[in-house]
């Protein structure tokens, strides 16, 4: 009797708890047309409706993987350039560099080793502050990208415009982080809330089935 009761409680907790969390889960969305082409070489653009708890590389890496930017959950932090001149030591050296302005940090240039494009999938993630979320651009050598001497370069404009963000004017970019997808590292298996909800329903069904079996055993 105790085991059956605990089974019911666990199943219902999973069904209702995950159902509620599914409604509050963050969502990654395609960028509107006005910012989709703000970065030379950006072949796709996505942003989330929430932000990581802080701006550390580890926090941003966890966030872009949990949000599955561009359907991928095996992004690795590579390098970062900040508007204030701070350069984060590369975790993976792909020759990433960025300039901000002049006159302000609403535009600039980026650079990457040309060889990096043949080794990795590359994403540039732009960060600002209040009323904005992380905007990611999936990169490739295309369009206005220029490559010479083993280095590819392009221009960027701040993606922090209205729409999709509730800002009056384009906002300055605080930093740009480069992420790479490791081709030898399979995507993580992050269950969707709907999948977990089905698991809870299945457990509930099993608990009910066991209850019927017990009744039949007692009646016989």
C-alpha atoms as a PDB file:
ATOM      1  CA  UNK A   1       0.000   0.000   0.000  1.00  0.00           C
ATOM      2  CA  UNK A   2       2.779   2.464   0.927  1.00  0.00           C
ATOM      3  CA  UNK A   3       4.704   1.767  -2.317  1.00  0.00           C
ATOM      4  CA  UNK A   4       1.565   2.297  -4.406  1.00  0.00           C
ATOM      5  CA  UNK A   5       0.791   5.604  -2.625  1.00  0.00           C
ATOM      6  CA  UNK A   6       4.316   6.866  -3.163  1.00  0.00           C
ATOM      7  CA  UNK A   7       4.038   5.923  -6.835  1.00  0.00           C
ATOM      8  CA  UNK A   8       0.880   7.998  -7.205  1.00  0.00           C
ATOM      9  CA  UNK A   9       2.474  10.965  -5.448  1.00  0.00           C
ATOM     10  CA  UNK A  10       5.610  10.836  -7.624  1.00  0.00           C
ATOM     11  CA  UNK A  11       3.603  10.567 -10.832  1.00  0.00           C
ATOM     12  CA  UNK A  12       1.271  13.428  -9.986  1.00  0.00           C
ATOM     13  CA  UNK A  13       4.199  15.592  -8.865  1.00  0.00           C
ATOM     14  CA  UNK A  14       5.908  15.024 -12.206  1.00  0.00           C
ATOM     15  CA  UNK A  15       2.749  15.742 -14.202  1.00  0.00           C
ATOM     16  CA  UNK A  16       1.759  18.948 -12.422  1.00  0.00           C
ATOM     17  CA  UNK A  17       5.216  20.205 -11.514  1.00  0.00           C
ATOM     18  CA  UNK A  18       6.615  19.840 -15.019  1.00  0.00           C
ATOM     19  CA  UNK A  19       3.422  21.116 -16.565  1.00  0.00           C
ATOM     20  CA  UNK A  20       3.851  24.332 -14.598  1.00  0.00           C
ATOM     21  CA  UNK A  21       7.561  24.615 -15.358  1.00  0.00           C
ATOM     22  CA  UNK A  22       6.875  24.083 -19.062  1.00  0.00           C
ATOM     23  CA  UNK A  23       4.722  27.213 -19.099  1.00  0.00           C
ATOM     24  CA  UNK A  24       7.552  29.233 -17.556  1.00  0.00           C
ATOM     25  CA  UNK A  25      10.333  27.846 -19.713  1.00  0.00           C
ATOM     26  CA  UNK A  26      12.345  30.198 -21.885  1.00  0.00           C
ATOM     27  CA  UNK A  27      11.964  30.290 -25.633  1.00  0.00           C
ATOM     28  CA  UNK A  28      14.415  30.907 -28.460  1.00  0.00           C
ATOM     29  CA  UNK A  29      12.943  32.854 -31.371  1.00  0.00           C
ATOM     30  CA  UNK A  30      14.034  33.834 -34.855  1.00  0.00           C
ATOM     31  CA  UNK A  31      15.166  37.431 -35.174  1.00  0.00           C
ATOM     32  CA  UNK A  32      12.913  39.928 -36.957  1.00  0.00           C
ATOM     33  CA  UNK A  33      14.062  41.156 -40.340  1.00  0.00           C
ATOM     34  CA  UNK A  34      15.408  44.478 -39.054  1.00  0.00           C
ATOM     35  CA  UNK A  35      18.202  42.772 -37.054  1.00  0.00           C
ATOM     36  CA  UNK A  36      18.557  39.438 -38.883  1.00  0.00           C
ATOM     37  CA  UNK A  37      21.277  40.812 -41.190  1.00  0.00           C
ATOM     38  CA  UNK A  38      23.076  43.112 -38.722  1.00  0.00           C
ATOM     39  CA  UNK A  39      26.203  40.949 -38.747  1.00  0.00           C
ATOM     40  CA  UNK A  40      28.206  40.217 -41.897  1.00  0.00           C
ATOM     41  CA  UNK A  41      28.468  36.458 -42.287  1.00  0.00           C
ATOM     42  CA  UNK A  42      25.442  35.825 -40.091  1.00  0.00           C
ATOM     43  CA  UNK A  43      23.411  33.185 -41.932  1.00  0.00           C
ATOM     44  CA  UNK A  44      20.846  32.817 -39.136  1.00  0.00           C
ATOM     45  CA  UNK A  45      19.844  34.833 -36.072  1.00  0.00           C
ATOM     46  CA  UNK A  46      18.057  33.853 -32.846  1.00  0.00           C
ATOM     47  CA  UNK A  47      17.363  35.437 -29.467  1.00  0.00           C
ATOM     48  CA  UNK A  48      15.840  34.233 -26.218  1.00  0.00           C
ATOM     49  CA  UNK A  49      13.074  35.732 -24.108  1.00  0.00           C
ATOM     50  CA  UNK A  50      15.218  35.370 -20.976  1.00  0.00           C
ATOM     51  CA  UNK A  51      18.823  35.815 -19.870  1.00  0.00           C
ATOM     52  CA  UNK A  52      21.446  33.740 -18.030  1.00  0.00           C
ATOM     53  CA  UNK A  53      21.842  34.507 -14.309  1.00  0.00           C
ATOM     54  CA  UNK A  54      25.123  36.339 -14.951  1.00  0.00           C
ATOM     55  CA  UNK A  55      27.530  37.263 -17.751  1.00  0.00           C
ATOM     56  CA  UNK A  56      30.316  34.806 -17.011  1.00  0.00           C
ATOM     57  CA  UNK A  57      31.459  32.634 -19.927  1.00  0.00           C
ATOM     58  CA  UNK A  58      30.394  29.501 -18.037  1.00  0.00           C
ATOM     59  CA  UNK A  59      26.927  30.901 -17.387  1.00  0.00           C
ATOM     60  CA  UNK A  60      26.456  31.967 -20.999  1.00  0.00           C
ATOM     61  CA  UNK A  61      27.673  28.565 -22.249  1.00  0.00           C
ATOM     62  CA  UNK A  62      25.185  26.760 -20.014  1.00  0.00           C
ATOM     63  CA  UNK A  63      22.428  29.118 -21.140  1.00  0.00           C
ATOM     64  CA  UNK A  64      22.907  28.844 -24.912  1.00  0.00           C
ATOM     65  CA  UNK A  65      23.015  25.054 -24.574  1.00  0.00           C
ATOM     66  CA  UNK A  66      19.905  24.822 -22.381  1.00  0.00           C
ATOM     67  CA  UNK A  67      18.105  27.157 -24.798  1.00  0.00           C
ATOM     68  CA  UNK A  68      19.448  25.156 -27.758  1.00  0.00           C
ATOM     69  CA  UNK A  69      20.369  28.106 -29.966  1.00  0.00           C
ATOM     70  CA  UNK A  70      20.008  26.962 -33.584  1.00  0.00           C
ATOM     71  CA  UNK A  71      18.849  23.568 -32.330  1.00  0.00           C
ATOM     72  CA  UNK A  72      22.261  22.730 -30.845  1.00  0.00           C
ATOM     73  CA  UNK A  73      23.144  21.879 -27.250  1.00  0.00           C
ATOM     74  CA  UNK A  74      26.870  21.257 -27.632  1.00  0.00           C
ATOM     75  CA  UNK A  75      28.189  24.815 -27.841  1.00  0.00           C
ATOM     76  CA  UNK A  76      31.583  25.523 -26.261  1.00  0.00           C
ATOM     77  CA  UNK A  77      32.730  28.964 -25.165  1.00  0.00           C
ATOM     78  CA  UNK A  78      35.722  30.078 -27.221  1.00  0.00           C
ATOM     79  CA  UNK A  79      36.604  33.766 -26.780  1.00  0.00           C
ATOM     80  CA  UNK A  80      35.158  37.142 -25.789  1.00  0.00           C
ATOM     81  CA  UNK A  81      35.773  40.833 -26.502  1.00  0.00           C
ATOM     82  CA  UNK A  82      34.131  43.568 -24.390  1.00  0.00           C
ATOM     83  CA  UNK A  83      33.311  47.179 -25.173  1.00  0.00           C
ATOM     84  CA  UNK A  84      35.449  48.361 -22.248  1.00  0.00           C
ATOM     85  CA  UNK A  85      38.521  46.694 -23.755  1.00  0.00           C
ATOM     86  CA  UNK A  86      38.420  43.590 -21.556  1.00  0.00           C
ATOM     87  CA  UNK A  87      39.609  40.498 -23.431  1.00  0.00           C
ATOM     88  CA  UNK A  88      38.832  37.082 -21.969  1.00  0.00           C
ATOM     89  CA  UNK A  89      41.634  34.565 -22.407  1.00  0.00           C
ATOM     90  CA  UNK A  90      40.560  32.123 -25.110  1.00  0.00           C
ATOM     91  CA  UNK A  91      39.281  28.752 -23.997  1.00  0.00           C
ATOM     92  CA  UNK A  92      39.464  27.716 -27.663  1.00  0.00           C
ATOM     93  CA  UNK A  93      41.618  29.916 -29.867  1.00  0.00           C
ATOM     94  CA  UNK A  94      39.803  30.681 -33.112  1.00  0.00           C
ATOM     95  CA  UNK A  95      41.413  34.083 -33.573  1.00  0.00           C
ATOM     96  CA  UNK A  96      38.288  35.987 -32.554  1.00  0.00           C
ATOM     97  CA  UNK A  97      38.568  39.739 -32.256  1.00  0.00           C
ATOM     98  CA  UNK A  98      36.106  42.633 -32.259  1.00  0.00           C
ATOM     99  CA  UNK A  99      36.170  46.412 -32.420  1.00  0.00           C
ATOM    100  CA  UNK A 100      33.501  48.711 -30.961  1.00  0.00           C
ATOM    101  CA  UNK A 101      32.811  52.001 -32.737  1.00  0.00           C
ATOM    102  CA  UNK A 102      33.698  54.732 -33.280  1.00  0.00           C
ATOM    103  CA  UNK A 103      31.805  56.715 -32.242  1.00  0.00           C
ATOM    104  CA  UNK A 104      30.081  54.285 -29.851  1.00  0.00           C
ATOM    105  CA  UNK A 105      29.495  50.589 -29.280  1.00  0.00           C
ATOM    106  CA  UNK A 106      26.500  50.311 -31.602  1.00  0.00           C
ATOM    107  CA  UNK A 107      28.698  49.153 -34.485  1.00  0.00           C
ATOM    108  CA  UNK A 108      32.109  47.681 -35.166  1.00  0.00           C
ATOM    109  CA  UNK A 109      33.972  44.852 -36.843  1.00  0.00           C
ATOM    110  CA  UNK A 110      34.707  41.212 -36.079  1.00  0.00           C
ATOM    111  CA  UNK A 111      37.562  38.905 -37.154  1.00  0.00           C
ATOM    112  CA  UNK A 112      38.064  35.124 -37.072  1.00  0.00           C
ATOM    113  CA  UNK A 113      40.691  32.703 -38.335  1.00  0.00           C
ATOM    114  CA  UNK A 114      39.601  31.431 -41.739  1.00  0.00           C
ATOM    115  CA  UNK A 115      40.611  27.880 -40.769  1.00  0.00           C
ATOM    116  CA  UNK A 116      38.125  27.978 -37.871  1.00  0.00           C
ATOM    117  CA  UNK A 117      35.225  27.895 -40.315  1.00  0.00           C
ATOM    118  CA  UNK A 118      36.379  24.535 -41.671  1.00  0.00           C
ATOM    119  CA  UNK A 119      36.750  23.039 -38.170  1.00  0.00           C
ATOM    120  CA  UNK A 120      33.776  24.384 -36.229  1.00  0.00           C
ATOM    121  CA  UNK A 121      30.263  25.707 -36.423  1.00  0.00           C
ATOM    122  CA  UNK A 122      30.658  29.242 -35.065  1.00  0.00           C
ATOM    123  CA  UNK A 123      28.164  31.456 -33.239  1.00  0.00           C
ATOM    124  CA  UNK A 124      28.667  35.081 -32.168  1.00  0.00           C
ATOM    125  CA  UNK A 125      26.533  36.087 -29.179  1.00  0.00           C
ATOM    126  CA  UNK A 126      25.826  39.757 -28.463  1.00  0.00           C
ATOM    127  CA  UNK A 127      25.091  41.016 -24.948  1.00  0.00           C
ATOM    128  CA  UNK A 128      23.751  44.333 -23.697  1.00  0.00           C
ATOM    129  CA  UNK A 129      21.812  44.852 -20.487  1.00  0.00           C
ATOM    130  CA  UNK A 130      18.333  45.751 -19.233  1.00  0.00           C
ATOM    131  CA  UNK A 131      15.370  45.184 -21.580  1.00  0.00           C
ATOM    132  CA  UNK A 132      17.438  43.009 -23.942  1.00  0.00           C
ATOM    133  CA  UNK A 133      18.444  39.357 -24.193  1.00  0.00           C
ATOM    134  CA  UNK A 134      21.314  37.439 -25.783  1.00  0.00           C
ATOM    135  CA  UNK A 135      21.251  37.561 -29.595  1.00  0.00           C
ATOM    136  CA  UNK A 136      23.119  34.829 -31.458  1.00  0.00           C
ATOM    137  CA  UNK A 137      24.308  34.795 -35.079  1.00  0.00           C
ATOM    138  CA  UNK A 138      25.302  31.556 -36.780  1.00  0.00           C
ATOM    139  CA  UNK A 139      28.354  32.430 -38.841  1.00  0.00           C
ATOM    140  CA  UNK A 140      29.743  31.434 -42.236  1.00  0.00           C
ATOM    141  CA  UNK A 141      32.005  32.868 -44.922  1.00  0.00           C
ATOM    142  CA  UNK A 142      29.365  34.505 -47.055  1.00  0.00           C
ATOM    143  CA  UNK A 143      28.058  37.858 -48.207  1.00  0.00           C
ATOM    144  CA  UNK A 144      30.250  40.779 -47.204  1.00  0.00           C
ATOM    145  CA  UNK A 145      32.800  38.681 -45.298  1.00  0.00           C
ATOM    146  CA  UNK A 146      36.341  39.358 -46.516  1.00  0.00           C
ATOM    147  CA  UNK A 147      39.152  36.829 -46.067  1.00  0.00           C
ATOM    148  CA  UNK A 148      42.837  37.549 -46.606  1.00  0.00           C
ATOM    149  CA  UNK A 149      46.012  36.121 -45.120  1.00  0.00           C
ATOM    150  CA  UNK A 150      44.086  33.430 -43.257  1.00  0.00           C
ATOM    151  CA  UNK A 151      41.851  35.915 -41.423  1.00  0.00           C
ATOM    152  CA  UNK A 152      38.197  36.683 -42.181  1.00  0.00           C
ATOM    153  CA  UNK A 153      36.569  39.988 -41.197  1.00  0.00           C
ATOM    154  CA  UNK A 154      33.165  41.613 -41.318  1.00  0.00           C
ATOM    155  CA  UNK A 155      31.101  44.441 -39.883  1.00  0.00           C
ATOM    156  CA  UNK A 156      28.405  44.333 -37.237  1.00  0.00           C
ATOM    157  CA  UNK A 157      25.588  46.601 -36.079  1.00  0.00           C
ATOM    158  CA  UNK A 158      23.960  46.389 -32.660  1.00  0.00           C
ATOM    159  CA  UNK A 159      21.022  43.965 -32.732  1.00  0.00           C
ATOM    160  CA  UNK A 160      19.455  45.688 -29.742  1.00  0.00           C
ATOM    161  CA  UNK A 161      16.741  47.536 -31.649  1.00  0.00           C
ATOM    162  CA  UNK A 162      12.973  47.867 -31.471  1.00  0.00           C
ATOM    163  CA  UNK A 163      11.661  45.359 -32.469  1.00  0.00           C
ATOM    164  CA  UNK A 164      12.231  42.919 -30.872  1.00  0.00           C
ATOM    165  CA  UNK A 165      13.354  44.792 -27.759  1.00  0.00           C
ATOM    166  CA  UNK A 166      11.575  47.558 -25.887  1.00  0.00           C
ATOM    167  CA  UNK A 167      14.254  50.211 -26.444  1.00  0.00           C
ATOM    168  CA  UNK A 168      14.012  53.726 -27.872  1.00  0.00           C
ATOM    169  CA  UNK A 169      17.228  53.642 -29.889  1.00  0.00           C
ATOM    170  CA  UNK A 170      19.783  50.971 -30.820  1.00  0.00           C
ATOM    171  CA  UNK A 171      21.600  50.055 -27.623  1.00  0.00           C
ATOM    172  CA  UNK A 172      25.346  49.716 -27.252  1.00  0.00           C
ATOM    173  CA  UNK A 173      26.819  46.216 -27.116  1.00  0.00           C
ATOM    174  CA  UNK A 174      28.594  45.392 -23.845  1.00  0.00           C
ATOM    175  CA  UNK A 175      30.447  42.339 -25.167  1.00  0.00           C
ATOM    176  CA  UNK A 176      30.526  39.762 -27.945  1.00  0.00           C
ATOM    177  CA  UNK A 177      31.232  36.101 -27.172  1.00  0.00           C
ATOM    178  CA  UNK A 178      32.301  33.515 -29.725  1.00  0.00           C
ATOM    179  CA  UNK A 179      31.053  29.941 -29.314  1.00  0.00           C
ATOM    180  CA  UNK A 180      31.919  26.854 -31.346  1.00  0.00           C
ATOM    181  CA  UNK A 181      30.126  23.551 -31.773  1.00  0.00           C
ATOM    182  CA  UNK A 182      32.436  20.613 -31.271  1.00  0.00           C
ATOM    183  CA  UNK A 183      31.816  18.220 -34.199  1.00  0.00           C
ATOM    184  CA  UNK A 184      33.103  15.327 -32.089  1.00  0.00           C
ATOM    185  CA  UNK A 185      30.796  16.042 -29.143  1.00  0.00           C
ATOM    186  CA  UNK A 186      27.205  14.831 -29.636  1.00  0.00           C
ATOM    187  CA  UNK A 187      24.379  17.166 -28.635  1.00  0.00           C
ATOM    188  CA  UNK A 188      23.221  16.813 -25.059  1.00  0.00           C
ATOM    189  CA  UNK A 189      19.914  15.068 -24.476  1.00  0.00           C
ATOM    190  CA  UNK A 190      17.858  17.835 -22.859  1.00  0.00           C
ATOM    191  CA  UNK A 191      14.254  16.601 -22.398  1.00  0.00           C
ATOM    192  CA  UNK A 192      11.534  18.986 -23.484  1.00  0.00           C
ATOM    193  CA  UNK A 193       8.790  19.741 -20.908  1.00  0.00           C
ATOM    194  CA  UNK A 194       6.237  17.928 -23.100  1.00  0.00           C
ATOM    195  CA  UNK A 195       8.401  14.801 -23.095  1.00  0.00           C
ATOM    196  CA  UNK A 196       8.738  14.900 -19.317  1.00  0.00           C
ATOM    197  CA  UNK A 197       4.993  15.456 -18.999  1.00  0.00           C
ATOM    198  CA  UNK A 198       4.352  12.295 -21.015  1.00  0.00           C
ATOM    199  CA  UNK A 199       6.720  10.434 -18.696  1.00  0.00           C
ATOM    200  CA  UNK A 200       4.674  11.580 -15.708  1.00  0.00           C
ATOM    201  CA  UNK A 201       1.433  10.457 -17.345  1.00  0.00           C
ATOM    202  CA  UNK A 202       3.031   7.080 -18.075  1.00  0.00           C
ATOM    203  CA  UNK A 203       4.099   6.668 -14.444  1.00  0.00           C
ATOM    204  CA  UNK A 204       0.577   7.558 -13.337  1.00  0.00           C
ATOM    205  CA  UNK A 205      -0.836   4.912 -15.648  1.00  0.00           C
ATOM    206  CA  UNK A 206       1.566   2.321 -14.251  1.00  0.00           C
ATOM    207  CA  UNK A 207       0.525   3.209 -10.703  1.00  0.00           C
ATOM    208  CA  UNK A 208      -3.155   2.759 -11.595  1.00  0.00           C
ATOM    209  CA  UNK A 209      -2.415  -0.540 -13.317  1.00  0.00           C
ATOM    210  CA  UNK A 210      -0.643  -1.844 -10.224  1.00  0.00           C
ATOM    211  CA  UNK A 211      -3.611  -0.768  -8.119  1.00  0.00           C
ATOM    212  CA  UNK A 212      -6.031  -2.777 -10.299  1.00  0.00           C
ATOM    213  CA  UNK A 213      -3.746  -5.818 -10.117  1.00  0.00           C
ATOM    214  CA  UNK A 214      -3.690  -5.629  -6.344  1.00  0.00           C
ATOM    215  CA  UNK A 215      -7.489  -5.425  -6.162  1.00  0.00           C
ATOM    216  CA  UNK A 216      -7.884  -8.394  -8.463  1.00  0.00           C
ATOM    217  CA  UNK A 217      -5.415 -10.371  -6.353  1.00  0.00           C
ATOM    218  CA  UNK A 218      -7.365  -9.605  -3.184  1.00  0.00           C
ATOM    219  CA  UNK A 219     -10.716 -10.466  -4.788  1.00  0.00           C
ATOM    220  CA  UNK A 220      -9.399 -13.868  -5.948  1.00  0.00           C
END
